[in-house]
Amino acid sequence: MRLSYQEKIRIFRRDPFRCQYCGLDGTKDFDTWHYANLNVDHIDPRAGNDDSNLVTACCTCNLIKGAHPCKTFENVKE
């Protein structure tokens, strides 16, 4: 199920607009287009949209992680 804009903003605010994988600060590392470079990622893609399964991720980390569960993210980066 897709997240609404309001749900995404709520997760971004909860995670202070910071990628939870690499630490990129979406409020400082980009100019006016920075929010477009943040995504809400599912820690476990099969587990649904519960807040405990959602994190802020930059586009790069989200693309690297893909559909892998979070516990394998470090392996995917290598």
Protein backbone atom coordinates (compact mmCIF):
# COMPACT_ATOMS: atom_id res chain seq x y z
CA MET A 1 0.00 0.00 0.00
CA ARG A 2 1.32 3.43 -0.94
CA LEU A 3 1.96 6.03 1.71
CA SER A 4 0.26 9.38 1.48
CA TYR A 5 2.26 12.59 1.32
CA GLN A 6 1.27 13.33 4.93
CA GLU A 7 2.46 9.90 6.09
CA LYS A 8 5.82 10.39 4.37
CA ILE A 9 6.31 13.82 5.91
CA ARG A 10 5.46 12.36 9.34
CA ILE A 11 8.22 9.74 8.94
CA PHE A 12 10.69 12.36 7.64
CA ARG A 13 9.99 14.52 10.69
CA ARG A 14 10.29 11.57 13.05
CA ASP A 15 13.73 10.81 11.56
CA PRO A 16 14.72 14.56 11.37
CA PHE A 17 14.95 14.41 7.53
CA ARG A 18 18.04 12.19 7.90
CA CYS A 19 18.79 8.96 6.04
CA GLN A 20 18.71 6.22 8.64
CA TYR A 21 21.28 4.18 6.71
CA CYS A 22 24.07 6.63 5.85
CA GLY A 23 23.16 9.67 7.94
CA LEU A 24 22.73 12.11 5.05
CA ASP A 25 20.96 15.21 6.36
CA GLY A 26 18.26 16.11 3.86
CA THR A 27 17.89 19.60 5.30
CA LYS A 28 21.55 20.56 4.86
CA ASP A 29 23.08 18.48 2.09
CA PHE A 30 20.84 19.77 -0.70
CA ASP A 31 19.36 23.07 -1.77
CA THR A 32 15.69 23.55 -2.57
CA TRP A 33 15.22 20.07 -4.05
CA HIS A 34 16.44 18.07 -1.04
CA TYR A 35 13.09 16.54 -0.08
CA ALA A 36 12.87 14.89 -3.48
CA ASN A 37 16.02 12.96 -2.59
CA LEU A 38 14.54 11.35 0.49
CA ASN A 39 12.29 8.32 0.48
CA VAL A 40 10.41 6.38 3.08
CA ASP A 41 11.84 2.87 3.02
CA HIS A 42 10.41 -0.36 4.39
CA ILE A 43 12.94 -1.99 6.71
CA ASP A 44 11.40 -5.31 5.74
CA PRO A 45 9.60 -4.94 2.40
CA ARG A 46 7.19 -7.74 3.29
CA ALA A 47 6.14 -6.36 6.69
CA GLY A 48 3.76 -3.55 5.73
CA ASN A 49 3.39 0.12 6.56
CA ASP A 50 3.60 0.12 10.34
CA ASP A 51 5.74 3.03 11.59
CA SER A 52 8.20 0.59 13.18
CA ASN A 53 8.89 -0.80 9.69
CA LEU A 54 9.42 2.59 8.00
CA VAL A 55 12.54 4.76 7.90
CA THR A 56 13.78 7.79 6.02
CA ALA A 57 16.32 6.83 3.36
CA CYS A 58 18.19 8.86 0.76
CA CYS A 59 17.67 7.81 -2.85
CA THR A 60 21.12 6.25 -3.07
CA CYS A 61 20.67 4.03 -0.01
CA ASN A 62 17.13 3.15 -1.03
CA LEU A 63 18.33 2.08 -4.48
CA ILE A 64 21.22 0.07 -3.04
CA LYS A 65 18.99 -1.65 -0.50
CA GLY A 66 16.26 -2.38 -3.01
CA ALA A 67 13.87 -5.08 -1.85
CA HIS A 68 16.31 -6.62 0.63
CA PRO A 69 15.37 -6.71 4.30
CA CYS A 70 17.37 -4.26 6.40
CA LYS A 71 19.46 -6.96 8.06
CA THR A 72 21.12 -7.60 4.70
CA PHE A 73 21.66 -3.93 3.79
CA GLU A 74 25.34 -3.92 4.80
CA ASN A 75 25.95 -6.96 2.60
CA VAL A 76 24.18 -5.29 -0.32
CA LYS A 77 26.37 -2.17 -0.01
CA GLU A 78 29.52 -4.25 -0.37
